[in-house]
C-alpha atoms as a PDB file:
ATOM      1  CA  MET A   1      19.644  11.820  49.644  1.00  0.00           C
ATOM      2  CA  ASP A   2      21.074  14.863  51.904  1.00  0.00           C
ATOM      3  CA  ASN A   3      24.084  16.581  50.549  1.00  0.00           C
ATOM      4  CA  ASP A   4      26.708  14.526  53.049  1.00  0.00           C
ATOM      5  CA  ASN A   5      25.434  11.573  51.390  1.00  0.00           C
ATOM      6  CA  LEU A   6      25.412  12.645  47.765  1.00  0.00           C
ATOM      7  CA  HIS A   7      29.285  13.830  48.561  1.00  0.00           C
ATOM      8  CA  THR A   8      30.418  10.775  50.265  1.00  0.00           C
ATOM      9  CA  GLY A   9      29.476   8.718  47.520  1.00  0.00           C
ATOM     10  CA  HIS A  10      31.106  10.987  44.668  1.00  0.00           C
ATOM     11  CA  ARG A  11      33.987  10.626  47.002  1.00  0.00           C
ATOM     12  CA  ASP A  12      34.037   6.573  46.809  1.00  0.00           C
ATOM     13  CA  ARG A  13      33.476   6.631  43.247  1.00  0.00           C
ATOM     14  CA  ARG A  14      36.559   9.483  42.550  1.00  0.00           C
ATOM     15  CA  ARG A  15      38.805   7.219  45.108  1.00  0.00           C
ATOM     16  CA  LYS A  16      37.789   4.013  43.256  1.00  0.00           C
ATOM     17  CA  HIS A  17      38.300   5.783  40.086  1.00  0.00           C
ATOM     18  CA  PHE A  18      41.828   6.495  40.844  1.00  0.00           C
ATOM     19  CA  LEU A  19      42.641   2.977  42.537  1.00  0.00           C
ATOM     20  CA  GLU A  20      41.649   1.322  38.922  1.00  0.00           C
ATOM     21  CA  GLU A  21      42.866   3.919  36.621  1.00  0.00           C
ATOM     22  CA  GLU A  22      46.211   5.499  35.979  1.00  0.00           C
ATOM     23  CA  SER A  23      46.585   8.859  37.445  1.00  0.00           C
ATOM     24  CA  ASP A  24      47.359  10.576  34.191  1.00  0.00           C
ATOM     25  CA  SER A  25      43.932  10.028  32.646  1.00  0.00           C
ATOM     26  CA  PHE A  26      42.930  12.511  35.694  1.00  0.00           C
ATOM     27  CA  GLU A  27      42.671  16.231  34.873  1.00  0.00           C
ATOM     28  CA  ASP A  28      44.670  18.750  37.191  1.00  0.00           C
ATOM     29  CA  HIS A  29      41.286  19.831  38.550  1.00  0.00           C
ATOM     30  CA  GLN A  30      40.299  16.043  39.385  1.00  0.00           C
ATOM     31  CA  VAL A  31      43.843  15.372  41.067  1.00  0.00           C
ATOM     32  CA  LEU A  32      43.333  18.478  43.255  1.00  0.00           C
ATOM     33  CA  GLU A  33      39.618  17.462  44.029  1.00  0.00           C
ATOM     34  CA  LEU A  34      41.262  14.176  45.173  1.00  0.00           C
ATOM     35  CA  LEU A  35      43.749  15.615  47.063  1.00  0.00           C
ATOM     36  CA  LEU A  36      41.333  17.743  48.953  1.00  0.00           C
ATOM     37  CA  PHE A  37      39.221  15.081  50.144  1.00  0.00           C
ATOM     38  CA  HIS A  38      42.091  14.765  52.904  1.00  0.00           C
ATOM     39  CA  ALA A  39      42.275  18.169  54.002  1.00  0.00           C
ATOM     40  CA  ILE A  40      38.549  19.154  53.961  1.00  0.00           C
ATOM     41  CA  PRO A  41      36.344  16.224  55.162  1.00  0.00           C
ATOM     42  CA  ARG A  42      32.804  17.411  54.027  1.00  0.00           C
ATOM     43  CA  GLY A  43      31.523  19.528  51.129  1.00  0.00           C
ATOM     44  CA  ASP A  44      32.133  19.429  47.261  1.00  0.00           C
ATOM     45  CA  THR A  45      35.686  20.072  46.643  1.00  0.00           C
ATOM     46  CA  ASN A  46      35.450  19.935  42.701  1.00  0.00           C
ATOM     47  CA  PRO A  47      34.157  23.754  42.561  1.00  0.00           C
ATOM     48  CA  ILE A  48      37.167  24.470  45.034  1.00  0.00           C
ATOM     49  CA  ALA A  49      39.730  22.880  42.646  1.00  0.00           C
ATOM     50  CA  HIS A  50      38.544  24.875  39.549  1.00  0.00           C
ATOM     51  CA  ARG A  51      38.610  27.863  41.584  1.00  0.00           C
ATOM     52  CA  LEU A  52      42.515  26.868  42.224  1.00  0.00           C
ATOM     53  CA  ILE A  53      43.138  26.042  38.321  1.00  0.00           C
ATOM     54  CA  LYS A  54      41.532  29.295  37.701  1.00  0.00           C
ATOM     55  CA  ARG A  55      43.456  31.248  39.917  1.00  0.00           C
ATOM     56  CA  PHE A  56      46.938  29.640  39.326  1.00  0.00           C
ATOM     57  CA  GLY A  57      46.900  28.567  35.944  1.00  0.00           C
ATOM     58  CA  SER A  58      48.095  24.224  36.519  1.00  0.00           C
ATOM     59  CA  LEU A  59      48.668  22.279  39.360  1.00  0.00           C
ATOM     60  CA  SER A  60      51.807  22.686  39.634  1.00  0.00           C
ATOM     61  CA  ALA A  61      51.200  26.413  40.017  1.00  0.00           C
ATOM     62  CA  VAL A  62      48.633  25.986  42.676  1.00  0.00           C
ATOM     63  CA  VAL A  63      51.083  23.345  44.993  1.00  0.00           C
ATOM     64  CA  GLU A  64      53.752  25.944  44.749  1.00  0.00           C
ATOM     65  CA  ALA A  65      52.257  28.816  45.373  1.00  0.00           C
ATOM     66  CA  ASP A  66      52.135  30.812  48.566  1.00  0.00           C
ATOM     67  CA  PRO A  67      49.961  29.163  51.320  1.00  0.00           C
ATOM     68  CA  LYS A  68      48.592  32.364  52.393  1.00  0.00           C
ATOM     69  CA  ASP A  69      47.628  33.090  48.746  1.00  0.00           C
ATOM     70  CA  MET A  70      45.890  29.431  48.492  1.00  0.00           C
ATOM     71  CA  ALA A  71      44.069  30.290  51.520  1.00  0.00           C
ATOM     72  CA  SER A  72      42.403  33.026  50.518  1.00  0.00           C
ATOM     73  CA  VAL A  73      40.631  30.861  47.487  1.00  0.00           C
ATOM     74  CA  GLU A  74      36.867  30.446  48.498  1.00  0.00           C
ATOM     75  CA  GLY A  75      36.470  27.091  50.374  1.00  0.00           C
ATOM     76  CA  MET A  76      40.155  26.547  51.076  1.00  0.00           C
ATOM     77  CA  GLY A  77      41.411  27.701  54.203  1.00  0.00           C
ATOM     78  CA  GLU A  78      44.658  27.315  56.329  1.00  0.00           C
ATOM     79  CA  LYS A  79      44.497  23.904  56.691  1.00  0.00           C
ATOM     80  CA  ALA A  80      43.868  22.601  53.005  1.00  0.00           C
ATOM     81  CA  ALA A  81      46.713  24.985  52.048  1.00  0.00           C
ATOM     82  CA  LEU A  82      49.018  24.135  54.188  1.00  0.00           C
ATOM     83  CA  PHE A  83      48.429  20.198  53.190  1.00  0.00           C
ATOM     84  CA  LEU A  84      48.530  21.259  49.294  1.00  0.00           C
ATOM     85  CA  ALA A  85      51.833  23.051  49.834  1.00  0.00           C
ATOM     86  CA  MET A  86      53.289  20.364  51.517  1.00  0.00           C
ATOM     87  CA  ILE A  87      53.313  18.321  48.407  1.00  0.00           C
ATOM     88  CA  PRO A  88      56.378  19.635  46.598  1.00  0.00           C
ATOM     89  CA  GLN A  89      58.455  19.276  49.840  1.00  0.00           C
ATOM     90  CA  VAL A  90      57.217  15.835  50.133  1.00  0.00           C
ATOM     91  CA  THR A  91      58.228  14.809  46.744  1.00  0.00           C
ATOM     92  CA  ARG A  92      61.182  16.344  47.129  1.00  0.00           C
ATOM     93  CA  ARG A  93      62.015  14.402  49.924  1.00  0.00           C
ATOM     94  CA  TYR A  94      60.549  11.224  48.368  1.00  0.00           C
ATOM     95  CA  PHE A  95      63.299  11.783  45.526  1.00  0.00           C
ATOM     96  CA  HIS A  96      66.092  12.368  47.954  1.00  0.00           C
ATOM     97  CA  ASP A  97      65.387   8.927  49.664  1.00  0.00           C
ATOM     98  CA  ARG A  98      65.109   7.504  45.947  1.00  0.00           C
ATOM     99  CA  VAL A  99      68.635   8.824  45.401  1.00  0.00           C
ATOM    100  CA  LEU A 100      69.954   7.216  48.090  1.00  0.00           C
ATOM    101  CA  LEU A 101      67.968   3.484  47.917  1.00  0.00           C
ATOM    102  CA  ASP A 102      69.026   3.374  43.995  1.00  0.00           C
ATOM    103  CA  ARG A 103      72.827   4.538  44.249  1.00  0.00           C
ATOM    104  CA  PRO A 104      73.263   4.956  40.421  1.00  0.00           C
ATOM    105  CA  ARG A 105      76.690   4.971  39.057  1.00  0.00           C
ATOM    106  CA  LEU A 106      76.787   8.819  37.782  1.00  0.00           C
ATOM    107  CA  THR A 107      79.320   7.974  34.569  1.00  0.00           C
ATOM    108  CA  SER A 108      78.089  11.237  32.752  1.00  0.00           C
ATOM    109  CA  SER A 109      76.426  14.604  32.814  1.00  0.00           C
ATOM    110  CA  GLU A 110      73.186  13.284  31.176  1.00  0.00           C
ATOM    111  CA  ALA A 111      73.057  10.743  34.416  1.00  0.00           C
ATOM    112  CA  VAL A 112      73.876  13.465  36.837  1.00  0.00           C
ATOM    113  CA  ALA A 113      71.083  15.674  35.667  1.00  0.00           C
ATOM    114  CA  GLU A 114      68.628  13.093  35.712  1.00  0.00           C
ATOM    115  CA  ASP A 115      69.299  12.625  39.226  1.00  0.00           C
ATOM    116  CA  LEU A 116      69.345  16.066  40.051  1.00  0.00           C
ATOM    117  CA  THR A 117      66.106  17.144  38.222  1.00  0.00           C
ATOM    118  CA  PRO A 118      63.569  15.755  40.779  1.00  0.00           C
ATOM    119  CA  LEU A 119      65.271  17.304  43.866  1.00  0.00           C
ATOM    120  CA  MET A 120      65.238  20.763  42.204  1.00  0.00           C
ATOM    121  CA  ALA A 121      62.031  20.264  40.781  1.00  0.00           C
ATOM    122  CA  GLY A 122      59.617  23.170  41.627  1.00  0.00           C
ATOM    123  CA  ARG A 123      62.068  25.123  43.756  1.00  0.00           C
ATOM    124  CA  PRO A 124      61.542  28.560  43.396  1.00  0.00           C
ATOM    125  CA  GLU A 125      64.465  29.975  45.203  1.00  0.00           C
ATOM    126  CA  LYS A 126      68.255  28.807  44.361  1.00  0.00           C
ATOM    127  CA  VAL A 127      69.410  25.759  46.069  1.00  0.00           C
ATOM    128  CA  PHE A 128      73.249  24.132  46.141  1.00  0.00           C
ATOM    129  CA  TYR A 129      73.488  20.652  46.507  1.00  0.00           C
ATOM    130  CA  VAL A 130      77.002  18.400  46.611  1.00  0.00           C
ATOM    131  CA  LEU A 131      76.643  14.857  45.421  1.00  0.00           C
ATOM    132  CA  CYS A 132      79.055  12.696  47.681  1.00  0.00           C
ATOM    133  CA  LEU A 133      80.314  10.206  45.750  1.00  0.00           C
ATOM    134  CA  ASP A 134      82.008   7.000  46.633  1.00  0.00           C
ATOM    135  CA  THR A 135      85.220   5.225  44.553  1.00  0.00           C
ATOM    136  CA  GLN A 136      82.377   3.724  41.895  1.00  0.00           C
ATOM    137  CA  CYS A 137      80.874   7.120  41.466  1.00  0.00           C
ATOM    138  CA  ARG A 138      77.862   5.964  43.385  1.00  0.00           C
ATOM    139  CA  VAL A 139      75.674   8.665  45.319  1.00  0.00           C
ATOM    140  CA  LEU A 140      76.684   8.267  49.032  1.00  0.00           C
ATOM    141  CA  TYR A 141      74.521  11.292  50.141  1.00  0.00           C
ATOM    142  CA  PRO A 142      73.043  14.464  47.976  1.00  0.00           C
ATOM    143  CA  SER A 143      74.046  17.118  50.414  1.00  0.00           C
ATOM    144  CA  LEU A 144      71.980  20.277  50.360  1.00  0.00           C
ATOM    145  CA  ILE A 145      74.457  23.223  51.151  1.00  0.00           C
ATOM    146  CA  SER A 146      72.697  26.215  50.823  1.00  0.00           C
ATOM    147  CA  GLU A 147      68.994  27.847  50.016  1.00  0.00           C
ATOM    148  CA  GLY A 148      68.399  31.212  49.019  1.00  0.00           C
ATOM    149  CA  THR A 149      66.218  33.420  46.891  1.00  0.00           C
ATOM    150  CA  VAL A 150      65.128  33.567  43.337  1.00  0.00           C
ATOM    151  CA  LYS A 151      69.035  35.237  42.767  1.00  0.00           C
ATOM    152  CA  ASN A 152      71.480  34.269  45.444  1.00  0.00           C
ATOM    153  CA  ALA A 153      72.563  31.291  47.233  1.00  0.00           C
ATOM    154  CA  SER A 154      75.425  31.878  49.542  1.00  0.00           C
ATOM    155  CA  VAL A 155      77.876  28.933  49.541  1.00  0.00           C
ATOM    156  CA  HIS A 156      80.703  28.890  51.727  1.00  0.00           C
ATOM    157  CA  PRO A 157      83.967  26.336  50.583  1.00  0.00           C
ATOM    158  CA  ARG A 158      84.299  25.049  54.414  1.00  0.00           C
ATOM    159  CA  HIS A 159      80.532  23.940  54.813  1.00  0.00           C
ATOM    160  CA  VAL A 160      81.497  22.125  51.352  1.00  0.00           C
ATOM    161  CA  ALA A 161      84.567  20.263  52.913  1.00  0.00           C
ATOM    162  CA  GLU A 162      82.911  19.530  56.111  1.00  0.00           C
ATOM    163  CA  GLU A 163      79.817  17.690  54.039  1.00  0.00           C
ATOM    164  CA  ALA A 164      82.321  15.678  52.029  1.00  0.00           C
ATOM    165  CA  ILE A 165      84.743  14.369  54.504  1.00  0.00           C
ATOM    166  CA  ARG A 166      81.552  13.663  56.637  1.00  0.00           C
ATOM    167  CA  HIS A 167      80.099  11.974  54.345  1.00  0.00           C
ATOM    168  CA  ARG A 168      83.817  10.106  53.371  1.00  0.00           C
ATOM    169  CA  ALA A 169      83.618  11.216  49.600  1.00  0.00           C
ATOM    170  CA  ALA A 170      85.902  10.246  47.226  1.00  0.00           C
ATOM    171  CA  SER A 171      84.988  12.567  44.699  1.00  0.00           C
ATOM    172  CA  VAL A 172      81.678  15.053  44.746  1.00  0.00           C
ATOM    173  CA  ILE A 173      79.522  16.729  42.051  1.00  0.00           C
ATOM    174  CA  LEU A 174      78.247  20.318  42.682  1.00  0.00           C
ATOM    175  CA  ALA A 175      75.013  21.448  41.404  1.00  0.00           C
ATOM    176  CA  TYR A 176      73.407  24.497  41.655  1.00  0.00           C
ATOM    177  CA  ASN A 177      69.957  25.932  39.823  1.00  0.00           C
ATOM    178  CA  HIS A 178      69.282  28.670  37.866  1.00  0.00           C
ATOM    179  CA  PRO A 179      65.054  29.267  38.843  1.00  0.00           C
ATOM    180  CA  ALA A 180      64.709  32.625  37.169  1.00  0.00           C
ATOM    181  CA  GLY A 181      66.773  32.295  34.148  1.00  0.00           C
ATOM    182  CA  THR A 182      69.365  30.022  31.614  1.00  0.00           C
ATOM    183  CA  ALA A 183      71.547  27.117  32.823  1.00  0.00           C
ATOM    184  CA  ARG A 184      74.563  29.612  31.137  1.00  0.00           C
ATOM    185  CA  PRO A 185      77.158  29.830  34.182  1.00  0.00           C
ATOM    186  CA  SER A 186      77.784  33.551  35.416  1.00  0.00           C
ATOM    187  CA  SER A 187      80.898  34.945  36.539  1.00  0.00           C
ATOM    188  CA  GLN A 188      80.235  34.178  40.145  1.00  0.00           C
ATOM    189  CA  ASP A 189      79.406  30.597  39.119  1.00  0.00           C
ATOM    190  CA  HIS A 190      82.916  30.497  37.379  1.00  0.00           C
ATOM    191  CA  LYS A 191      84.473  31.568  40.514  1.00  0.00           C
ATOM    192  CA  LEU A 192      82.643  29.606  42.633  1.00  0.00           C
ATOM    193  CA  THR A 193      83.769  26.340  40.931  1.00  0.00           C
ATOM    194  CA  LYS A 194      86.817  27.597  41.063  1.00  0.00           C
ATOM    195  CA  LEU A 195      87.119  28.307  44.688  1.00  0.00           C
ATOM    196  CA  LEU A 196      85.504  24.494  45.521  1.00  0.00           C
ATOM    197  CA  VAL A 197      87.723  22.769  43.215  1.00  0.00           C
ATOM    198  CA  GLN A 198      90.735  24.166  44.866  1.00  0.00           C
ATOM    199  CA  ALA A 199      89.561  24.013  48.274  1.00  0.00           C
ATOM    200  CA  LEU A 200      89.031  20.428  47.776  1.00  0.00           C
ATOM    201  CA  GLY A 201      91.924  19.228  45.718  1.00  0.00           C
ATOM    202  CA  PRO A 202      94.694  19.523  49.035  1.00  0.00           C
ATOM    203  CA  LEU A 203      91.448  17.604  50.932  1.00  0.00           C
ATOM    204  CA  ASP A 204      92.311  14.550  47.858  1.00  0.00           C
ATOM    205  CA  ILE A 205      88.431  15.068  46.915  1.00  0.00           C
ATOM    206  CA  LYS A 206      87.957  15.430  43.001  1.00  0.00           C
ATOM    207  CA  VAL A 207      85.424  17.605  42.063  1.00  0.00           C
ATOM    208  CA  LEU A 208      83.993  15.466  38.918  1.00  0.00           C
ATOM    209  CA  ASP A 209      81.517  17.891  37.408  1.00  0.00           C
ATOM    210  CA  HIS A 210      79.378  21.217  37.985  1.00  0.00           C
ATOM    211  CA  LEU A 211      75.924  21.357  36.882  1.00  0.00           C
ATOM    212  CA  ILE A 212      73.828  24.280  36.464  1.00  0.00           C
ATOM    213  CA  ILE A 213      70.137  23.212  36.178  1.00  0.00           C
ATOM    214  CA  ALA A 214      67.511  25.533  34.643  1.00  0.00           C
ATOM    215  CA  GLY A 215      64.214  23.931  33.666  1.00  0.00           C
ATOM    216  CA  ASP A 216      64.854  21.266  31.222  1.00  0.00           C
ATOM    217  CA  GLN A 217      68.445  23.243  30.235  1.00  0.00           C
ATOM    218  CA  THR A 218      71.765  21.892  31.910  1.00  0.00           C
ATOM    219  CA  PHE A 219      75.413  23.263  31.502  1.00  0.00           C
ATOM    220  CA  SER A 220      78.315  20.680  32.465  1.00  0.00           C
ATOM    221  CA  PHE A 221      81.665  22.424  33.364  1.00  0.00           C
ATOM    222  CA  ALA A 222      82.867  19.260  32.765  1.00  0.00           C
ATOM    223  CA  ARG A 223      81.304  18.501  29.146  1.00  0.00           C
ATOM    224  CA  GLU A 224      82.559  21.774  28.399  1.00  0.00           C
ATOM    225  CA  GLY A 225      86.045  21.274  29.338  1.00  0.00           C
ATOM    226  CA  ILE A 226      86.293  23.928  31.741  1.00  0.00           C
ATOM    227  CA  LEU A 227      87.360  21.628  35.127  1.00  0.00           C
ATOM    228  CA  PRO A 228      90.696  20.547  34.152  1.00  0.00           C
ATOM    229  CA  ILE A 229      91.434  24.447  33.603  1.00  0.00           C
ATOM    230  CA  TYR A 230      90.694  24.960  37.459  1.00  0.00           C
ATOM    231  CA  GLN A 231      92.480  22.043  39.127  1.00  0.00           C
ATOM    232  CA  THR A 232      95.009  22.932  41.436  1.00  0.00           C
ATOM    233  CA  PRO A 233      98.873  22.072  40.038  1.00  0.00           C
END
């Protein structure tokens, strides 16, 4: 049996295993091996998957790595690196769509955090979301206002107001991540919250909460009783 037939047989068995078993039973390198079938049409992707895990440490670290770094791993190349780099972005897009389809009522900071975490998962940079809500506190649209660096993301009140008006929001929830720190708000976070609350107040759009997410930590301005202090008199 030549190498091509040998690898084809192995790939068929791996695909069958994936279809018949829960993917949770797969090791990280096995998931990568299967994914790479679609970017590397010929050859054995198992050793490449092992090299990727050895280089970056985990499945999540691999797909979040710089594509240039991934491409430098023996056996990879630009096409395969681009394919893997798309996974976090496609995943976020998937969860973005699920938020719109499910439209749960966000009646607690815990419910908000549950909806937001997938949208922010794997983000190495700071991002700022505004959840535009209807009168029943259901999500009309999760609007990505700003993307920045690990330390900063620029947010302009006018842009936030425009998004809220465009989606006819009765109220909004603000959300910010701290990818390189704790969920504890900085003085700048407090200033921004006050600025946005007071900018949206005259438009009759209430800010229900502002959440800061850092990994599995969440800080809620509403839960901590801070938002009422910032309401426009």
